[in-house]
Each structure stands twice: as structure tokens, then as C-alpha cells.
Amino acid sequence: MKKMLLALSISMLLGYIFFAGEASTAPSDLQTVRGTVESISIGSDPLAGNKSEIVIIDGQGQQMRFTIRTGIGVTISGREKLTSLKNLSAGDIVIMDYIKNRDGTNKAMTIEIYNYHRR
């Protein structure tokens, strides 16, 4: 059931992105990466250019930067629970699905905290 809900959520998000004309990729181009959060900044006003962004270090030691849409839910591994971006911090291990935008930037579609501990 959890996987079905996650797949449905991803489908809905992808539909929104593609109909909005932001993405240059097909749904089959959804990519997944696992890494350690290096930094996260939560923008206060995306319309003014203050976008939310997460930077991770992947398994090969490469830094990857992602834009995050306002209001994205963050899932907690092993639980059917959502949390907010505010609960992410440097050092957390995350699994992210993302797409590449036309301008070459990465856009996070889903974020799952792999090693979440109640803070």
C-alpha cells in the first residue's frame, strides 16, 4: 500500500511538472540518488528568487545540488509518516528522486530520510 501511494504521488508530481512546462525529461528519466545532506536552505519567497535548495554528497563523493518546490513532503524511511524540510539537517542520509530541468539544474521530486531519529 505504501509503495502504491508513493508511486501515485510521484505520478501526480510528474504530471504537474510536465504540464507546467518546466521539465525537459520524460517520466522514464526520473533518477534516484542516495547521499548525505551537506546543506539545506529553505527559501522564504520563491517568487522573489528565494528558492529552497538541498546539497548532498553522493556515494561517489560528488556534490549534487537540487531545487525543492515549496511544500514538498519528506518521507521517513520505514514509516508511513511525512515530515517537513525543517527536520532535515546536515549529516542526514537521504534517498531522492529527481529530474533534470531544461536549464540543467536538478529538481527534487521526492525526498526520503533514511536515518531519521526523533530530534
PDB file of N, CA and C in Angstrom:
ATOM      1  N   MET A   1       0.823  -1.190   0.000  1.00  0.00           N
ATOM      2  CA  MET A   1       0.000   0.000   0.000  1.00  0.00           C
ATOM      3  C   MET A   1       0.872   1.260   0.000  1.00  0.00           C
ATOM      4  N   LYS A   2       1.936   1.255   0.821  1.00  0.00           N
ATOM      5  CA  LYS A   2       2.811   2.414   0.913  1.00  0.00           C
ATOM      6  C   LYS A   2       3.477   2.690  -0.437  1.00  0.00           C
ATOM      7  N   LYS A   3       3.929   1.622  -1.104  1.00  0.00           N
ATOM      8  CA  LYS A   3       4.577   1.795  -2.402  1.00  0.00           C
ATOM      9  C   LYS A   3       3.595   2.325  -3.433  1.00  0.00           C
ATOM     10  N   MET A   4       2.342   1.874  -3.355  1.00  0.00           N
ATOM     11  CA  MET A   4       1.325   2.341  -4.288  1.00  0.00           C
ATOM     12  C   MET A   4       1.068   3.831  -4.087  1.00  0.00           C
ATOM     13  N   LEU A   5       0.974   4.261  -2.822  1.00  0.00           N
ATOM     14  CA  LEU A   5       0.767   5.680  -2.539  1.00  0.00           C
ATOM     15  C   LEU A   5       1.950   6.523  -2.995  1.00  0.00           C
ATOM     16  N   LEU A   6       3.169   6.002  -2.787  1.00  0.00           N
ATOM     17  CA  LEU A   6       4.357   6.719  -3.222  1.00  0.00           C
ATOM     18  C   LEU A   6       4.377   6.842  -4.743  1.00  0.00           C
ATOM     19  N   ALA A   7       4.048   5.759  -5.442  1.00  0.00           N
ATOM     20  CA  ALA A   7       4.014   5.784  -6.905  1.00  0.00           C
ATOM     21  C   ALA A   7       2.955   6.760  -7.412  1.00  0.00           C
ATOM     22  N   LEU A   8       1.799   6.785  -6.767  1.00  0.00           N
ATOM     23  CA  LEU A   8       0.746   7.713  -7.143  1.00  0.00           C
ATOM     24  C   LEU A   8       1.192   9.156  -6.921  1.00  0.00           C
ATOM     25  N   SER A   9       1.845   9.412  -5.795  1.00  0.00           N
ATOM     26  CA  SER A   9       2.339  10.766  -5.505  1.00  0.00           C
ATOM     27  C   SER A   9       3.366  11.211  -6.528  1.00  0.00           C
ATOM     28  N   ILE A  10       4.273  10.315  -6.887  1.00  0.00           N
ATOM     29  CA  ILE A  10       5.291  10.641  -7.890  1.00  0.00           C
ATOM     30  C   ILE A  10       4.629  10.936  -9.225  1.00  0.00           C
ATOM     31  N   SER A  11       3.654  10.128  -9.596  1.00  0.00           N
ATOM     32  CA  SER A  11       2.950  10.334 -10.868  1.00  0.00           C
ATOM     33  C   SER A  11       2.267  11.693 -10.904  1.00  0.00           C
ATOM     34  N   MET A  12       1.625  12.043  -9.796  1.00  0.00           N
ATOM     35  CA  MET A  12       0.941  13.336  -9.740  1.00  0.00           C
ATOM     36  C   MET A  12       1.935  14.484  -9.840  1.00  0.00           C
ATOM     37  N   LEU A  13       3.050  14.369  -9.139  1.00  0.00           N
ATOM     38  CA  LEU A  13       4.068  15.423  -9.188  1.00  0.00           C
ATOM     39  C   LEU A  13       4.646  15.559 -10.585  1.00  0.00           C
ATOM     40  N   LEU A  14       4.934  14.438 -11.209  1.00  0.00           N
ATOM     41  CA  LEU A  14       5.492  14.489 -12.560  1.00  0.00           C
ATOM     42  C   LEU A  14       4.500  15.107 -13.531  1.00  0.00           C
ATOM     43  N   GLY A  15       3.240  14.754 -13.404  1.00  0.00           N
ATOM     44  CA  GLY A  15       2.221  15.345 -14.260  1.00  0.00           C
ATOM     45  C   GLY A  15       2.175  16.850 -14.106  1.00  0.00           C
ATOM     46  N   TYR A  16       2.236  17.324 -12.872  1.00  0.00           N
ATOM     47  CA  TYR A  16       2.237  18.756 -12.626  1.00  0.00           C
ATOM     48  C   TYR A  16       3.446  19.425 -13.276  1.00  0.00           C
ATOM     49  N   ILE A  17       4.613  18.845 -13.109  1.00  0.00           N
ATOM     50  CA  ILE A  17       5.837  19.417 -13.652  1.00  0.00           C
ATOM     51  C   ILE A  17       5.779  19.470 -15.177  1.00  0.00           C
ATOM     52  N   PHE A  18       5.366  18.380 -15.797  1.00  0.00           N
ATOM     53  CA  PHE A  18       5.371  18.337 -17.258  1.00  0.00           C
ATOM     54  C   PHE A  18       4.319  19.249 -17.855  1.00  0.00           C
ATOM     55  N   PHE A  19       3.160  19.358 -17.228  1.00  0.00           N
ATOM     56  CA  PHE A  19       2.146  20.259 -17.751  1.00  0.00           C
ATOM     57  C   PHE A  19       2.522  21.711 -17.506  1.00  0.00           C
ATOM     58  N   ALA A  20       3.344  21.956 -16.509  1.00  0.00           N
ATOM     59  CA  ALA A  20       3.808  23.316 -16.247  1.00  0.00           C
ATOM     60  C   ALA A  20       4.921  23.711 -17.212  1.00  0.00           C
ATOM     61  N   GLY A  21       5.457  22.746 -17.956  1.00  0.00           N
ATOM     62  CA  GLY A  21       6.473  23.035 -18.960  1.00  0.00           C
ATOM     63  C   GLY A  21       7.858  23.271 -18.409  1.00  0.00           C
ATOM     64  N   GLU A  22       8.123  22.865 -17.182  1.00  0.00           N
ATOM     65  CA  GLU A  22       9.431  23.110 -16.587  1.00  0.00           C
ATOM     66  C   GLU A  22      10.444  22.033 -16.919  1.00  0.00           C
ATOM     67  N   ALA A  23       9.994  20.813 -17.093  1.00  0.00           N
ATOM     68  CA  ALA A  23      10.924  19.698 -17.256  1.00  0.00           C
ATOM     69  C   ALA A  23      11.169  19.393 -18.719  1.00  0.00           C
ATOM     70  N   SER A  24      12.356  18.893 -18.986  1.00  0.00           N
ATOM     71  CA  SER A  24      12.702  18.517 -20.347  1.00  0.00           C
ATOM     72  C   SER A  24      12.798  17.012 -20.487  1.00  0.00           C
ATOM     73  N   THR A  25      12.515  16.299 -19.422  1.00  0.00           N
ATOM     74  CA  THR A  25      12.691  14.862 -19.436  1.00  0.00           C
ATOM     75  C   THR A  25      11.355  14.150 -19.442  1.00  0.00           C
ATOM     76  N   ALA A  26      11.374  12.907 -19.845  1.00  0.00           N
ATOM     77  CA  ALA A  26      10.195  12.058 -19.800  1.00  0.00           C
ATOM     78  C   ALA A  26      10.136  11.401 -18.426  1.00  0.00           C
ATOM     79  N   PRO A  27       8.950  10.899 -18.031  1.00  0.00           N
ATOM     80  CA  PRO A  27       8.858  10.249 -16.722  1.00  0.00           C
ATOM     81  C   PRO A  27       9.866   9.117 -16.545  1.00  0.00           C
ATOM     82  N   SER A  28      10.261   8.490 -17.634  1.00  0.00           N
ATOM     83  CA  SER A  28      11.230   7.402 -17.526  1.00  0.00           C
ATOM     84  C   SER A  28      12.622   7.919 -17.165  1.00  0.00           C
ATOM     85  N   ASP A  29      12.821   9.229 -17.237  1.00  0.00           N
ATOM     86  CA  ASP A  29      14.113   9.825 -16.916  1.00  0.00           C
ATOM     87  C   ASP A  29      14.235  10.221 -15.446  1.00  0.00           C
ATOM     88  N   LEU A  30      13.264   9.821 -14.645  1.00  0.00           N
ATOM     89  CA  LEU A  30      13.353  10.057 -13.208  1.00  0.00           C
ATOM     90  C   LEU A  30      14.563   9.289 -12.689  1.00  0.00           C
ATOM     91  N   GLN A  31      15.415   9.979 -11.954  1.00  0.00           N
ATOM     92  CA  GLN A  31      16.634   9.370 -11.433  1.00  0.00           C
ATOM     93  C   GLN A  31      16.576   9.329  -9.913  1.00  0.00           C
ATOM     94  N   THR A  32      17.324   8.405  -9.330  1.00  0.00           N
ATOM     95  CA  THR A  32      17.369   8.261  -7.881  1.00  0.00           C
ATOM     96  C   THR A  32      18.813   8.355  -7.415  1.00  0.00           C
ATOM     97  N   VAL A  33      19.011   9.026  -6.302  1.00  0.00           N
ATOM     98  CA  VAL A  33      20.349   9.140  -5.722  1.00  0.00           C
ATOM     99  C   VAL A  33      20.231   9.017  -4.204  1.00  0.00           C
ATOM    100  N   ARG A  34      21.247   8.420  -3.613  1.00  0.00           N
ATOM    101  CA  ARG A  34      21.341   8.351  -2.154  1.00  0.00           C
ATOM    102  C   ARG A  34      22.586   9.112  -1.745  1.00  0.00           C
ATOM    103  N   GLY A  35      22.461   9.930  -0.725  1.00  0.00           N
ATOM    104  CA  GLY A  35      23.609  10.703  -0.297  1.00  0.00           C
ATOM    105  C   GLY A  35      23.421  11.300   1.078  1.00  0.00           C
ATOM    106  N   THR A  36      24.432  12.020   1.511  1.00  0.00           N
ATOM    107  CA  THR A  36      24.443  12.668   2.817  1.00  0.00           C
ATOM    108  C   THR A  36      24.206  14.161   2.625  1.00  0.00           C
ATOM    109  N   VAL A  37      23.277  14.705   3.390  1.00  0.00           N
ATOM    110  CA  VAL A  37      22.966  16.136   3.290  1.00  0.00           C
ATOM    111  C   VAL A  37      24.175  16.941   3.738  1.00  0.00           C
ATOM    112  N   GLU A  38      24.614  17.837   2.855  1.00  0.00           N
ATOM    113  CA  GLU A  38      25.695  18.757   3.196  1.00  0.00           C
ATOM    114  C   GLU A  38      25.111  20.061   3.718  1.00  0.00           C
ATOM    115  N   SER A  39      24.067  20.542   3.029  1.00  0.00           N
ATOM    116  CA  SER A  39      23.407  21.772   3.478  1.00  0.00           C
ATOM    117  C   SER A  39      21.988  21.808   2.918  1.00  0.00           C
ATOM    118  N   ILE A  40      21.166  22.597   3.574  1.00  0.00           N
ATOM    119  CA  ILE A  40      19.801  22.817   3.109  1.00  0.00           C
ATOM    120  C   ILE A  40      19.439  24.258   3.409  1.00  0.00           C
ATOM    121  N   SER A  41      18.819  24.907   2.439  1.00  0.00           N
ATOM    122  CA  SER A  41      18.335  26.270   2.667  1.00  0.00           C
ATOM    123  C   SER A  41      16.879  26.311   2.236  1.00  0.00           C
ATOM    124  N   ILE A  42      16.061  26.833   3.108  1.00  0.00           N
ATOM    125  CA  ILE A  42      14.630  26.900   2.850  1.00  0.00           C
ATOM    126  C   ILE A  42      14.292  28.337   2.509  1.00  0.00           C
ATOM    127  N   GLY A  43      13.924  28.563   1.250  1.00  0.00           N
ATOM    128  CA  GLY A  43      13.603  29.901   0.775  1.00  0.00           C
ATOM    129  C   GLY A  43      12.276  30.381   1.322  1.00  0.00           C
ATOM    130  N   SER A  44      12.224  31.652   1.620  1.00  0.00           N
ATOM    131  CA  SER A  44      11.005  32.208   2.191  1.00  0.00           C
ATOM    132  C   SER A  44      10.017  32.690   1.139  1.00  0.00           C
ATOM    133  N   ASP A  45      10.512  33.029  -0.058  1.00  0.00           N
ATOM    134  CA  ASP A  45       9.625  33.550  -1.093  1.00  0.00           C
ATOM    135  C   ASP A  45      10.136  33.140  -2.475  1.00  0.00           C
ATOM    136  N   PRO A  46       9.675  31.985  -2.998  1.00  0.00           N
ATOM    137  CA  PRO A  46      10.163  31.508  -4.292  1.00  0.00           C
ATOM    138  C   PRO A  46       9.921  32.495  -5.432  1.00  0.00           C
ATOM    139  N   LEU A  47       8.850  33.293  -5.351  1.00  0.00           N
ATOM    140  CA  LEU A  47       8.566  34.258  -6.413  1.00  0.00           C
ATOM    141  C   LEU A  47       9.599  35.374  -6.454  1.00  0.00           C
ATOM    142  N   ALA A  48      10.251  35.620  -5.328  1.00  0.00           N
ATOM    143  CA  ALA A  48      11.283  36.653  -5.261  1.00  0.00           C
ATOM    144  C   ALA A  48      12.673  36.076  -5.507  1.00  0.00           C
ATOM    145  N   GLY A  49      12.722  34.794  -5.881  1.00  0.00           N
ATOM    146  CA  GLY A  49      14.012  34.172  -6.162  1.00  0.00           C
ATOM    147  C   GLY A  49      14.628  33.448  -4.983  1.00  0.00           C
ATOM    148  N   ASN A  50      13.928  33.414  -3.866  1.00  0.00           N
ATOM    149  CA  ASN A  50      14.428  32.710  -2.679  1.00  0.00           C
ATOM    150  C   ASN A  50      13.961  31.260  -2.725  1.00  0.00           C
ATOM    151  N   LYS A  51      14.629  30.454  -3.514  1.00  0.00           N
ATOM    152  CA  LYS A  51      14.215  29.064  -3.676  1.00  0.00           C
ATOM    153  C   LYS A  51      14.831  28.191  -2.600  1.00  0.00           C
ATOM    154  N   SER A  52      14.105  27.119  -2.283  1.00  0.00           N
ATOM    155  CA  SER A  52      14.645  26.131  -1.362  1.00  0.00           C
ATOM    156  C   SER A  52      15.619  25.253  -2.126  1.00  0.00           C
ATOM    157  N   GLU A  53      16.679  24.861  -1.447  1.00  0.00           N
ATOM    158  CA  GLU A  53      17.730  24.084  -2.103  1.00  0.00           C
ATOM    159  C   GLU A  53      18.350  23.110  -1.115  1.00  0.00           C
ATOM    160  N   ILE A  54      18.715  21.932  -1.618  1.00  0.00           N
ATOM    161  CA  ILE A  54      19.415  20.949  -0.809  1.00  0.00           C
ATOM    162  C   ILE A  54      20.667  20.530  -1.568  1.00  0.00           C
ATOM    163  N   VAL A  55      21.762  20.404  -0.842  1.00  0.00           N
ATOM    164  CA  VAL A  55      23.032  19.957  -1.422  1.00  0.00           C
ATOM    165  C   VAL A  55      23.407  18.673  -0.705  1.00  0.00           C
ATOM    166  N   ILE A  56      23.689  17.629  -1.503  1.00  0.00           N
ATOM    167  CA  ILE A  56      24.089  16.349  -0.910  1.00  0.00           C
ATOM    168  C   ILE A  56      25.427  15.911  -1.492  1.00  0.00           C
ATOM    169  N   ILE A  57      26.060  15.000  -0.805  1.00  0.00           N
ATOM    170  CA  ILE A  57      27.264  14.328  -1.300  1.00  0.00           C
ATOM    171  C   ILE A  57      26.843  12.897  -1.600  1.00  0.00           C
ATOM    172  N   ASP A  58      26.964  12.494  -2.876  1.00  0.00           N
ATOM    173  CA  ASP A  58      26.513  11.156  -3.264  1.00  0.00           C
ATOM    174  C   ASP A  58      27.545  10.093  -2.885  1.00  0.00           C
ATOM    175  N   GLY A  59      27.264   8.844  -3.227  1.00  0.00           N
ATOM    176  CA  GLY A  59      28.124   7.728  -2.867  1.00  0.00           C
ATOM    177  C   GLY A  59      29.509   7.772  -3.469  1.00  0.00           C
ATOM    178  N   GLN A  60      29.683   8.549  -4.557  1.00  0.00           N
ATOM    179  CA  GLN A  60      30.993   8.692  -5.199  1.00  0.00           C
ATOM    180  C   GLN A  60      31.736   9.930  -4.711  1.00  0.00           C
ATOM    181  N   GLY A  61      31.157  10.603  -3.711  1.00  0.00           N
ATOM    182  CA  GLY A  61      31.805  11.788  -3.163  1.00  0.00           C
ATOM    183  C   GLY A  61      31.557  13.060  -3.952  1.00  0.00           C
ATOM    184  N   GLN A  62      30.616  13.001  -4.911  1.00  0.00           N
ATOM    185  CA  GLN A  62      30.301  14.168  -5.742  1.00  0.00           C
ATOM    186  C   GLN A  62      29.215  15.010  -5.080  1.00  0.00           C
ATOM    187  N   GLN A  63      29.387  16.314  -5.137  1.00  0.00           N
ATOM    188  CA  GLN A  63      28.387  17.235  -4.617  1.00  0.00           C
ATOM    189  C   GLN A  63      27.267  17.380  -5.652  1.00  0.00           C
ATOM    190  N   MET A  64      26.016  17.253  -5.202  1.00  0.00           N
ATOM    191  CA  MET A  64      24.860  17.425  -6.077  1.00  0.00           C
ATOM    192  C   MET A  64      23.936  18.453  -5.447  1.00  0.00           C
ATOM    193  N   ARG A  65      23.433  19.351  -6.278  1.00  0.00           N
ATOM    194  CA  ARG A  65      22.570  20.445  -5.829  1.00  0.00           C
ATOM    195  C   ARG A  65      21.183  20.257  -6.431  1.00  0.00           C
ATOM    196  N   PHE A  66      20.135  20.451  -5.624  1.00  0.00           N
ATOM    197  CA  PHE A  66      18.757  20.270  -6.066  1.00  0.00           C
ATOM    198  C   PHE A  66      17.898  21.439  -5.627  1.00  0.00           C
ATOM    199  N   THR A  67      17.013  21.886  -6.511  1.00  0.00           N
ATOM    200  CA  THR A  67      15.984  22.828  -6.084  1.00  0.00           C
ATOM    201  C   THR A  67      14.826  22.009  -5.534  1.00  0.00           C
ATOM    202  N   ILE A  68      14.110  22.596  -4.597  1.00  0.00           N
ATOM    203  CA  ILE A  68      12.999  21.914  -3.945  1.00  0.00           C
ATOM    204  C   ILE A  68      11.775  22.804  -4.061  1.00  0.00           C
ATOM    205  N   ARG A  69      10.684  22.212  -4.523  1.00  0.00           N
ATOM    206  CA  ARG A  69       9.457  23.006  -4.627  1.00  0.00           C
ATOM    207  C   ARG A  69       8.897  23.281  -3.239  1.00  0.00           C
ATOM    208  N   THR A  70       8.215  24.376  -3.105  1.00  0.00           N
ATOM    209  CA  THR A  70       7.601  24.757  -1.840  1.00  0.00           C
ATOM    210  C   THR A  70       6.555  23.717  -1.446  1.00  0.00           C
ATOM    211  N   GLY A  71       6.567  23.307  -0.207  1.00  0.00           N
ATOM    212  CA  GLY A  71       5.559  22.393   0.303  1.00  0.00           C
ATOM    213  C   GLY A  71       5.829  20.921   0.071  1.00  0.00           C
ATOM    214  N   ILE A  72       7.007  20.568  -0.442  1.00  0.00           N
ATOM    215  CA  ILE A  72       7.302  19.152  -0.670  1.00  0.00           C
ATOM    216  C   ILE A  72       7.303  18.410   0.665  1.00  0.00           C
ATOM    217  N   GLY A  73       6.693  17.248   0.680  1.00  0.00           N
ATOM    218  CA  GLY A  73       6.698  16.414   1.885  1.00  0.00           C
ATOM    219  C   GLY A  73       7.934  15.540   1.893  1.00  0.00           C
ATOM    220  N   VAL A  74       8.457  15.301   3.050  1.00  0.00           N
ATOM    221  CA  VAL A  74       9.626  14.448   3.212  1.00  0.00           C
ATOM    222  C   VAL A  74       9.165  13.190   3.929  1.00  0.00           C
ATOM    223  N   THR A  75       9.411  12.024   3.324  1.00  0.00           N
ATOM    224  CA  THR A  75       9.005  10.781   3.964  1.00  0.00           C
ATOM    225  C   THR A  75      10.123  10.269   4.864  1.00  0.00           C
ATOM    226  N   ILE A  76       9.734   9.482   5.835  1.00  0.00           N
ATOM    227  CA  ILE A  76      10.685   8.894   6.763  1.00  0.00           C
ATOM    228  C   ILE A  76      10.760   7.409   6.451  1.00  0.00           C
ATOM    229  N   SER A  77      11.938   6.916   6.176  1.00  0.00           N
ATOM    230  CA  SER A  77      12.139   5.518   5.807  1.00  0.00           C
ATOM    231  C   SER A  77      11.560   4.579   6.855  1.00  0.00           C
ATOM    232  N   GLY A  78      10.788   3.589   6.391  1.00  0.00           N
ATOM    233  CA  GLY A  78      10.227   2.597   7.288  1.00  0.00           C
ATOM    234  C   GLY A  78       8.956   3.021   7.993  1.00  0.00           C
ATOM    235  N   ARG A  79       8.479   4.224   7.719  1.00  0.00           N
ATOM    236  CA  ARG A  79       7.258   4.720   8.353  1.00  0.00           C
ATOM    237  C   ARG A  79       6.337   5.312   7.303  1.00  0.00           C
ATOM    238  N   GLU A  80       5.068   5.284   7.588  1.00  0.00           N
ATOM    239  CA  GLU A  80       4.108   5.951   6.701  1.00  0.00           C
ATOM    240  C   GLU A  80       3.829   7.333   7.287  1.00  0.00           C
ATOM    241  N   LYS A  81       4.872   8.123   7.364  1.00  0.00           N
ATOM    242  CA  LYS A  81       4.762   9.426   8.009  1.00  0.00           C
ATOM    243  C   LYS A  81       5.502  10.460   7.173  1.00  0.00           C
ATOM    244  N   LEU A  82       4.936  11.645   7.091  1.00  0.00           N
ATOM    245  CA  LEU A  82       5.595  12.758   6.417  1.00  0.00           C
ATOM    246  C   LEU A  82       6.126  13.722   7.459  1.00  0.00           C
ATOM    247  N   THR A  83       7.194  14.393   7.111  1.00  0.00           N
ATOM    248  CA  THR A  83       7.737  15.437   7.957  1.00  0.00           C
ATOM    249  C   THR A  83       8.067  16.620   7.046  1.00  0.00           C
ATOM    250  N   SER A  84       8.513  17.710   7.591  1.00  0.00           N
ATOM    251  CA  SER A  84       8.810  18.890   6.770  1.00  0.00           C
ATOM    252  C   SER A  84      10.305  19.003   6.501  1.00  0.00           C
ATOM    253  N   LEU A  85      10.629  19.862   5.556  1.00  0.00           N
ATOM    254  CA  LEU A  85      12.033  20.129   5.233  1.00  0.00           C
ATOM    255  C   LEU A  85      12.796  20.640   6.443  1.00  0.00           C
ATOM    256  N   LYS A  86      12.104  21.287   7.348  1.00  0.00           N
ATOM    257  CA  LYS A  86      12.764  21.849   8.530  1.00  0.00           C
ATOM    258  C   LYS A  86      13.396  20.771   9.404  1.00  0.00           C
ATOM    259  N   ASN A  87      12.953  19.515   9.237  1.00  0.00           N
ATOM    260  CA  ASN A  87      13.520  18.428  10.033  1.00  0.00           C
ATOM    261  C   ASN A  87      14.744  17.805   9.387  1.00  0.00           C
ATOM    262  N   LEU A  88      15.110  18.255   8.201  1.00  0.00           N
ATOM    263  CA  LEU A  88      16.344  17.788   7.557  1.00  0.00           C
ATOM    264  C   LEU A  88      17.510  18.603   8.081  1.00  0.00           C
ATOM    265  N   SER A  89      18.637  17.937   8.262  1.00  0.00           N
ATOM    266  CA  SER A  89      19.822  18.672   8.684  1.00  0.00           C
ATOM    267  C   SER A  89      21.071  18.024   8.098  1.00  0.00           C
ATOM    268  N   ALA A  90      22.158  18.758   8.119  1.00  0.00           N
ATOM    269  CA  ALA A  90      23.431  18.249   7.605  1.00  0.00           C
ATOM    270  C   ALA A  90      23.760  16.935   8.308  1.00  0.00           C
ATOM    271  N   GLY A  91      24.225  15.969   7.525  1.00  0.00           N
ATOM    272  CA  GLY A  91      24.577  14.665   8.059  1.00  0.00           C
ATOM    273  C   GLY A  91      23.502  13.612   7.865  1.00  0.00           C
ATOM    274  N   ASP A  92      22.250  14.036   7.612  1.00  0.00           N
ATOM    275  CA  ASP A  92      21.185  13.075   7.355  1.00  0.00           C
ATOM    276  C   ASP A  92      21.448  12.355   6.041  1.00  0.00           C
ATOM    277  N   ILE A  93      21.118  11.081   6.009  1.00  0.00           N
ATOM    278  CA  ILE A  93      21.210  10.310   4.773  1.00  0.00           C
ATOM    279  C   ILE A  93      19.839  10.340   4.118  1.00  0.00           C
ATOM    280  N   VAL A  94      19.797  10.709   2.835  1.00  0.00           N
ATOM    281  CA  VAL A  94      18.536  10.816   2.118  1.00  0.00           C
ATOM    282  C   VAL A  94      18.580  10.006   0.830  1.00  0.00           C
ATOM    283  N   ILE A  95      17.415   9.588   0.401  1.00  0.00           N
ATOM    284  CA  ILE A  95      17.230   8.969  -0.904  1.00  0.00           C
ATOM    285  C   ILE A  95      16.284   9.895  -1.646  1.00  0.00           C
ATOM    286  N   MET A  96      16.719  10.372  -2.809  1.00  0.00           N
ATOM    287  CA  MET A  96      15.936  11.360  -3.543  1.00  0.00           C
ATOM    288  C   MET A  96      15.675  10.899  -4.966  1.00  0.00           C
ATOM    289  N   ASP A  97      14.442  11.142  -5.426  1.00  0.00           N
ATOM    290  CA  ASP A  97      14.109  11.003  -6.834  1.00  0.00           C
ATOM    291  C   ASP A  97      14.146  12.413  -7.395  1.00  0.00           C
ATOM    292  N   TYR A  98      14.715  12.564  -8.595  1.00  0.00           N
ATOM    293  CA  TYR A  98      14.839  13.893  -9.167  1.00  0.00           C
ATOM    294  C   TYR A  98      14.795  13.837 -10.694  1.00  0.00           C
ATOM    295  N   ILE A  99      14.584  15.003 -11.276  1.00  0.00           N
ATOM    296  CA  ILE A  99      14.641  15.168 -12.725  1.00  0.00           C
ATOM    297  C   ILE A  99      15.587  16.315 -13.030  1.00  0.00           C
ATOM    298  N   LYS A 100      16.025  16.368 -14.259  1.00  0.00           N
ATOM    299  CA  LYS A 100      16.857  17.467 -14.720  1.00  0.00           C
ATOM    300  C   LYS A 100      15.982  18.444 -15.495  1.00  0.00           C
ATOM    301  N   ASN A 101      16.020  19.707 -15.120  1.00  0.00           N
ATOM    302  CA  ASN A 101      15.262  20.747 -15.826  1.00  0.00           C
ATOM    303  C   ASN A 101      15.959  21.126 -17.125  1.00  0.00           C
ATOM    304  N   ARG A 102      15.257  21.860 -17.963  1.00  0.00           N
ATOM    305  CA  ARG A 102      15.831  22.312 -19.245  1.00  0.00           C
ATOM    306  C   ARG A 102      17.121  23.085 -19.058  1.00  0.00           C
ATOM    307  N   ASP A 103      17.204  23.838 -17.967  1.00  0.00           N
ATOM    308  CA  ASP A 103      18.399  24.662 -17.733  1.00  0.00           C
ATOM    309  C   ASP A 103      19.554  23.861 -17.120  1.00  0.00           C
ATOM    310  N   GLY A 104      19.372  22.539 -16.966  1.00  0.00           N
ATOM    311  CA  GLY A 104      20.440  21.687 -16.448  1.00  0.00           C
ATOM    312  C   GLY A 104      20.446  21.520 -14.938  1.00  0.00           C
ATOM    313  N   THR A 105      19.567  22.214 -14.242  1.00  0.00           N
ATOM    314  CA  THR A 105      19.510  22.076 -12.788  1.00  0.00           C
ATOM    315  C   THR A 105      18.725  20.823 -12.406  1.00  0.00           C
ATOM    316  N   ASN A 106      18.997  20.307 -11.216  1.00  0.00           N
ATOM    317  CA  ASN A 106      18.284  19.146 -10.702  1.00  0.00           C
ATOM    318  C   ASN A 106      17.117  19.609  -9.849  1.00  0.00           C
ATOM    319  N   LYS A 107      15.973  18.966 -10.033  1.00  0.00           N
ATOM    320  CA  LYS A 107      14.791  19.299  -9.236  1.00  0.00           C
ATOM    321  C   LYS A 107      14.346  18.066  -8.468  1.00  0.00           C
ATOM    322  N   ALA A 108      14.323  18.175  -7.138  1.00  0.00           N
ATOM    323  CA  ALA A 108      13.907  17.064  -6.282  1.00  0.00           C
ATOM    324  C   ALA A 108      12.418  16.817  -6.449  1.00  0.00           C
ATOM    325  N   MET A 109      12.054  15.559  -6.649  1.00  0.00           N
ATOM    326  CA  MET A 109      10.651  15.182  -6.765  1.00  0.00           C
ATOM    327  C   MET A 109      10.160  14.514  -5.483  1.00  0.00           C
ATOM    328  N   THR A 110      11.009  13.685  -4.884  1.00  0.00           N
ATOM    329  CA  THR A 110      10.698  13.067  -3.589  1.00  0.00           C
ATOM    330  C   THR A 110      11.966  13.052  -2.743  1.00  0.00           C
ATOM    331  N   ILE A 111      11.779  13.141  -1.445  1.00  0.00           N
ATOM    332  CA  ILE A 111      12.906  13.058  -0.504  1.00  0.00           C
ATOM    333  C   ILE A 111      12.498  12.097   0.603  1.00  0.00           C
ATOM    334  N   GLU A 112      13.365  11.139   0.885  1.00  0.00           N
ATOM    335  CA  GLU A 112      13.131  10.191   1.966  1.00  0.00           C
ATOM    336  C   GLU A 112      14.335  10.246   2.899  1.00  0.00           C
ATOM    337  N   ILE A 113      14.076  10.451   4.189  1.00  0.00           N
ATOM    338  CA  ILE A 113      15.153  10.442   5.175  1.00  0.00           C
ATOM    339  C   ILE A 113      15.416   8.982   5.538  1.00  0.00           C
ATOM    340  N   TYR A 114      16.635   8.544   5.331  1.00  0.00           N
ATOM    341  CA  TYR A 114      16.984   7.151   5.555  1.00  0.00           C
ATOM    342  C   TYR A 114      17.335   6.846   7.002  1.00  0.00           C
ATOM    343  N   ASN A 115      17.946   7.780   7.688  1.00  0.00           N
ATOM    344  CA  ASN A 115      18.412   7.522   9.060  1.00  0.00           C
ATOM    345  C   ASN A 115      17.749   8.447  10.066  1.00  0.00           C
ATOM    346  N   TYR A 116      16.444   8.629   9.953  1.00  0.00           N
ATOM    347  CA  TYR A 116      15.745   9.599  10.803  1.00  0.00           C
ATOM    348  C   TYR A 116      15.682   9.123  12.245  1.00  0.00           C
ATOM    349  N   HIS A 117      16.048  10.001  13.134  1.00  0.00           N
ATOM    350  CA  HIS A 117      15.906   9.759  14.570  1.00  0.00           C
ATOM    351  C   HIS A 117      15.146  10.948  15.145  1.00  0.00           C
ATOM    352  N   ARG A 118      14.234  10.655  16.021  1.00  0.00           N
ATOM    353  CA  ARG A 118      13.459  11.746  16.628  1.00  0.00           C
ATOM    354  C   ARG A 118      14.398  12.726  17.300  1.00  0.00           C
ATOM    355  N   ARG A 119      14.255  13.983  16.953  1.00  0.00           N
ATOM    356  CA  ARG A 119      15.149  15.017  17.495  1.00  0.00           C
ATOM    357  C   ARG A 119      14.475  15.743  18.627  1.00  0.00           C
TER     358      ARG A 119
END
